């Protein structure tokens, strides 16, 4: 049961932004420190990807586990307004799939870094995460995901 008043919950939810999130900033800082240069939130590509490394024809999307319905310990379906949240998360997942297909069809490589890989009890060691991202940018193919349980 939600312990906050509806007006307070509304204020809290309105404060959540989809750009420049803490996990996204961590990924950007790590890649920049390695010498990679990128554009952020490119509106001319499907889904306005978080990071676009044009030189490598690579796109990195940093997804929040709750908002994208990831099957990990950070996602838990709310017990109130369940129907609304199921529809919201399902539409986010459908949009993600559509954008992924459009990017891959147009020749871009795509990596999704899940929030659980960056924070939470199953997060990856920072050096491992950075190494996985660097190796993929330089030599990776197609579509890959980095999850908190270390599976790719």
C-alpha atoms as a PDB file:
ATOM      1  CA  UNK A   1       0.000   0.000   0.000  1.00  0.00           C
ATOM      2  CA  UNK A   2       1.256   3.462  -0.865  1.00  0.00           C
ATOM      3  CA  UNK A   3       2.071   5.385   2.330  1.00  0.00           C
ATOM      4  CA  UNK A   4       2.215   8.801   0.638  1.00  0.00           C
ATOM      5  CA  UNK A   5      -0.684  11.108  -0.052  1.00  0.00           C
ATOM      6  CA  UNK A   6      -1.631  11.265  -3.744  1.00  0.00           C
ATOM      7  CA  UNK A   7      -0.371  14.852  -4.094  1.00  0.00           C
ATOM      8  CA  UNK A   8       2.982  13.945  -2.521  1.00  0.00           C
ATOM      9  CA  UNK A   9       3.320  10.799  -4.685  1.00  0.00           C
ATOM     10  CA  UNK A  10       2.545  12.899  -7.769  1.00  0.00           C
ATOM     11  CA  UNK A  11       5.273  15.368  -6.818  1.00  0.00           C
ATOM     12  CA  UNK A  12       7.784  12.549  -6.250  1.00  0.00           C
ATOM     13  CA  UNK A  13       6.984  10.877  -9.583  1.00  0.00           C
ATOM     14  CA  UNK A  14       7.142  14.215 -11.450  1.00  0.00           C
ATOM     15  CA  UNK A  15      10.681  14.724 -10.149  1.00  0.00           C
ATOM     16  CA  UNK A  16      11.901  11.562 -11.916  1.00  0.00           C
ATOM     17  CA  UNK A  17      13.517  12.404 -15.225  1.00  0.00           C
ATOM     18  CA  UNK A  18      14.461  10.184 -18.138  1.00  0.00           C
ATOM     19  CA  UNK A  19      17.644  12.052 -19.076  1.00  0.00           C
ATOM     20  CA  UNK A  20      20.903  12.510 -17.211  1.00  0.00           C
ATOM     21  CA  UNK A  21      20.090   9.889 -14.601  1.00  0.00           C
ATOM     22  CA  UNK A  22      22.751   8.828 -12.114  1.00  0.00           C
ATOM     23  CA  UNK A  23      23.419   5.485 -13.915  1.00  0.00           C
ATOM     24  CA  UNK A  24      23.660   7.331 -17.247  1.00  0.00           C
ATOM     25  CA  UNK A  25      26.134   9.846 -15.831  1.00  0.00           C
ATOM     26  CA  UNK A  26      28.274   7.013 -14.436  1.00  0.00           C
ATOM     27  CA  UNK A  27      28.440   5.357 -17.875  1.00  0.00           C
ATOM     28  CA  UNK A  28      29.190   8.664 -19.623  1.00  0.00           C
ATOM     29  CA  UNK A  29      31.960   9.558 -17.189  1.00  0.00           C
ATOM     30  CA  UNK A  30      33.599   6.132 -17.498  1.00  0.00           C
ATOM     31  CA  UNK A  31      33.579   6.175 -21.305  1.00  0.00           C
ATOM     32  CA  UNK A  32      34.812   9.768 -21.449  1.00  0.00           C
ATOM     33  CA  UNK A  33      37.713   8.878 -19.122  1.00  0.00           C
ATOM     34  CA  UNK A  34      38.723   6.173 -21.620  1.00  0.00           C
ATOM     35  CA  UNK A  35      38.875   8.769 -24.388  1.00  0.00           C
ATOM     36  CA  UNK A  36      35.591   7.945 -26.107  1.00  0.00           C
ATOM     37  CA  UNK A  37      33.654  10.911 -27.425  1.00  0.00           C
ATOM     38  CA  UNK A  38      29.926  10.761 -27.983  1.00  0.00           C
ATOM     39  CA  UNK A  39      26.762  12.732 -28.483  1.00  0.00           C
ATOM     40  CA  UNK A  40      23.900  12.434 -26.008  1.00  0.00           C
ATOM     41  CA  UNK A  41      20.153  12.098 -26.547  1.00  0.00           C
ATOM     42  CA  UNK A  42      20.285  12.300 -30.349  1.00  0.00           C
ATOM     43  CA  UNK A  43      16.786  13.132 -31.520  1.00  0.00           C
ATOM     44  CA  UNK A  44      17.538  12.111 -35.106  1.00  0.00           C
ATOM     45  CA  UNK A  45      17.895   8.428 -34.113  1.00  0.00           C
ATOM     46  CA  UNK A  46      15.052   6.128 -33.014  1.00  0.00           C
ATOM     47  CA  UNK A  47      14.457   6.431 -29.274  1.00  0.00           C
ATOM     48  CA  UNK A  48      16.862   9.381 -28.811  1.00  0.00           C
ATOM     49  CA  UNK A  49      19.647   7.098 -27.507  1.00  0.00           C
ATOM     50  CA  UNK A  50      21.493   8.085 -24.334  1.00  0.00           C
ATOM     51  CA  UNK A  51      24.942   7.892 -25.973  1.00  0.00           C
ATOM     52  CA  UNK A  52      25.843   7.804 -29.659  1.00  0.00           C
ATOM     53  CA  UNK A  53      29.413   6.970 -30.630  1.00  0.00           C
ATOM     54  CA  UNK A  54      29.236   7.831 -34.330  1.00  0.00           C
ATOM     55  CA  UNK A  55      32.882   6.931 -35.010  1.00  0.00           C
ATOM     56  CA  UNK A  56      32.094   3.346 -33.979  1.00  0.00           C
ATOM     57  CA  UNK A  57      28.513   3.244 -35.326  1.00  0.00           C
ATOM     58  CA  UNK A  58      27.515   2.326 -31.750  1.00  0.00           C
ATOM     59  CA  UNK A  59      24.640   3.361 -29.503  1.00  0.00           C
ATOM     60  CA  UNK A  60      24.449   2.842 -25.742  1.00  0.00           C
ATOM     61  CA  UNK A  61      21.143   2.982 -23.909  1.00  0.00           C
ATOM     62  CA  UNK A  62      21.118   3.069 -20.082  1.00  0.00           C
ATOM     63  CA  UNK A  63      17.785   1.632 -18.916  1.00  0.00           C
ATOM     64  CA  UNK A  64      16.194   1.890 -15.494  1.00  0.00           C
ATOM     65  CA  UNK A  65      15.053  -1.524 -14.328  1.00  0.00           C
ATOM     66  CA  UNK A  66      11.685  -0.307 -13.003  1.00  0.00           C
ATOM     67  CA  UNK A  67      10.664   1.808 -15.996  1.00  0.00           C
ATOM     68  CA  UNK A  68      11.584  -0.866 -18.537  1.00  0.00           C
ATOM     69  CA  UNK A  69      10.263  -3.878 -16.595  1.00  0.00           C
ATOM     70  CA  UNK A  70      13.604  -5.656 -16.263  1.00  0.00           C
ATOM     71  CA  UNK A  71      13.515  -9.122 -14.707  1.00  0.00           C
ATOM     72  CA  UNK A  72      15.885  -8.389 -11.828  1.00  0.00           C
ATOM     73  CA  UNK A  73      15.814  -7.621  -8.112  1.00  0.00           C
ATOM     74  CA  UNK A  74      15.330  -3.878  -8.748  1.00  0.00           C
ATOM     75  CA  UNK A  75      11.965  -4.343 -10.478  1.00  0.00           C
ATOM     76  CA  UNK A  76       8.815  -4.875  -8.454  1.00  0.00           C
ATOM     77  CA  UNK A  77       5.346  -4.259  -9.836  1.00  0.00           C
ATOM     78  CA  UNK A  78       3.517  -1.696  -7.684  1.00  0.00           C
ATOM     79  CA  UNK A  79       0.633  -3.085  -5.665  1.00  0.00           C
ATOM     80  CA  UNK A  80      -1.561  -0.035  -6.315  1.00  0.00           C
ATOM     81  CA  UNK A  81      -2.897   0.893  -9.753  1.00  0.00           C
ATOM     82  CA  UNK A  82      -1.421  -2.351 -11.070  1.00  0.00           C
ATOM     83  CA  UNK A  83      -3.333  -2.211 -14.340  1.00  0.00           C
ATOM     84  CA  UNK A  84      -1.973   1.277 -15.085  1.00  0.00           C
ATOM     85  CA  UNK A  85       1.623   0.241 -14.335  1.00  0.00           C
ATOM     86  CA  UNK A  86       1.384  -2.980 -16.360  1.00  0.00           C
ATOM     87  CA  UNK A  87       0.155  -0.975 -19.361  1.00  0.00           C
ATOM     88  CA  UNK A  88       2.822   1.728 -18.843  1.00  0.00           C
ATOM     89  CA  UNK A  89       5.708  -0.723 -18.562  1.00  0.00           C
ATOM     90  CA  UNK A  90       4.422  -2.866 -21.449  1.00  0.00           C
ATOM     91  CA  UNK A  91       4.253   0.190 -23.699  1.00  0.00           C
ATOM     92  CA  UNK A  92       7.809   1.144 -22.676  1.00  0.00           C
ATOM     93  CA  UNK A  93       8.999  -2.368 -23.561  1.00  0.00           C
ATOM     94  CA  UNK A  94       7.198  -2.302 -26.921  1.00  0.00           C
ATOM     95  CA  UNK A  95       8.745   1.084 -27.726  1.00  0.00           C
ATOM     96  CA  UNK A  96      12.187  -0.234 -26.709  1.00  0.00           C
ATOM     97  CA  UNK A  97      11.766  -3.205 -29.075  1.00  0.00           C
ATOM     98  CA  UNK A  98      10.645  -0.988 -31.954  1.00  0.00           C
ATOM     99  CA  UNK A  99      13.569   1.392 -31.457  1.00  0.00           C
ATOM    100  CA  UNK A 100      16.043  -1.502 -31.150  1.00  0.00           C
ATOM    101  CA  UNK A 101      14.866  -3.012 -34.439  1.00  0.00           C
ATOM    102  CA  UNK A 102      15.022   0.370 -36.211  1.00  0.00           C
ATOM    103  CA  UNK A 103      18.564   1.052 -34.981  1.00  0.00           C
ATOM    104  CA  UNK A 104      19.844  -2.408 -35.929  1.00  0.00           C
ATOM    105  CA  UNK A 105      18.176  -2.268 -39.352  1.00  0.00           C
ATOM    106  CA  UNK A 106      19.867   1.052 -40.069  1.00  0.00           C
ATOM    107  CA  UNK A 107      23.304  -0.394 -39.308  1.00  0.00           C
ATOM    108  CA  UNK A 108      23.841   0.776 -35.738  1.00  0.00           C
ATOM    109  CA  UNK A 109      25.184  -1.523 -33.023  1.00  0.00           C
ATOM    110  CA  UNK A 110      23.268  -1.304 -29.733  1.00  0.00           C
ATOM    111  CA  UNK A 111      24.242  -1.945 -26.133  1.00  0.00           C
ATOM    112  CA  UNK A 112      21.738  -1.721 -23.298  1.00  0.00           C
ATOM    113  CA  UNK A 113      23.272  -1.193 -19.870  1.00  0.00           C
ATOM    114  CA  UNK A 114      20.739  -2.020 -17.190  1.00  0.00           C
ATOM    115  CA  UNK A 115      20.569  -0.067 -13.939  1.00  0.00           C
ATOM    116  CA  UNK A 116      21.158  -3.297 -11.964  1.00  0.00           C
ATOM    117  CA  UNK A 117      24.622  -3.581 -13.562  1.00  0.00           C
ATOM    118  CA  UNK A 118      25.540  -0.198 -12.077  1.00  0.00           C
ATOM    119  CA  UNK A 119      23.782  -0.162  -8.711  1.00  0.00           C
ATOM    120  CA  UNK A 120      21.977  -2.583  -6.467  1.00  0.00           C
ATOM    121  CA  UNK A 121      23.029  -5.787  -4.761  1.00  0.00           C
ATOM    122  CA  UNK A 122      23.926  -7.564  -8.043  1.00  0.00           C
ATOM    123  CA  UNK A 123      25.913  -4.678  -9.565  1.00  0.00           C
ATOM    124  CA  UNK A 124      29.087  -5.411 -11.443  1.00  0.00           C
ATOM    125  CA  UNK A 125      32.523  -4.368 -10.292  1.00  0.00           C
ATOM    126  CA  UNK A 126      33.179  -0.942 -11.854  1.00  0.00           C
ATOM    127  CA  UNK A 127      36.312  -2.144 -13.687  1.00  0.00           C
ATOM    128  CA  UNK A 128      34.431  -5.131 -15.132  1.00  0.00           C
ATOM    129  CA  UNK A 129      31.570  -2.918 -16.305  1.00  0.00           C
ATOM    130  CA  UNK A 130      33.926  -0.421 -17.941  1.00  0.00           C
ATOM    131  CA  UNK A 131      35.932  -3.208 -19.592  1.00  0.00           C
ATOM    132  CA  UNK A 132      32.772  -4.806 -21.019  1.00  0.00           C
ATOM    133  CA  UNK A 133      31.630  -1.477 -22.458  1.00  0.00           C
ATOM    134  CA  UNK A 134      35.057  -0.620 -23.894  1.00  0.00           C
ATOM    135  CA  UNK A 135      35.506  -4.023 -25.546  1.00  0.00           C
ATOM    136  CA  UNK A 136      32.054  -3.890 -27.092  1.00  0.00           C
ATOM    137  CA  UNK A 137      32.510  -0.376 -28.467  1.00  0.00           C
ATOM    138  CA  UNK A 138      35.805  -1.370 -30.086  1.00  0.00           C
ATOM    139  CA  UNK A 139      34.988  -4.835 -31.430  1.00  0.00           C
ATOM    140  CA  UNK A 140      31.430  -5.869 -30.467  1.00  0.00           C
ATOM    141  CA  UNK A 141      28.650  -6.767 -32.863  1.00  0.00           C
ATOM    142  CA  UNK A 142      24.922  -6.209 -33.116  1.00  0.00           C
ATOM    143  CA  UNK A 143      22.929  -6.061 -29.908  1.00  0.00           C
ATOM    144  CA  UNK A 144      24.125  -6.807 -26.376  1.00  0.00           C
ATOM    145  CA  UNK A 145      22.850  -6.192 -22.847  1.00  0.00           C
ATOM    146  CA  UNK A 146      24.836  -5.770 -19.650  1.00  0.00           C
ATOM    147  CA  UNK A 147      22.896  -6.989 -16.633  1.00  0.00           C
ATOM    148  CA  UNK A 148      23.638  -6.963 -12.926  1.00  0.00           C
ATOM    149  CA  UNK A 149      23.986 -10.717 -12.786  1.00  0.00           C
ATOM    150  CA  UNK A 150      26.980 -10.444 -15.175  1.00  0.00           C
ATOM    151  CA  UNK A 151      25.202 -12.156 -18.055  1.00  0.00           C
ATOM    152  CA  UNK A 152      25.536 -10.622 -21.511  1.00  0.00           C
END
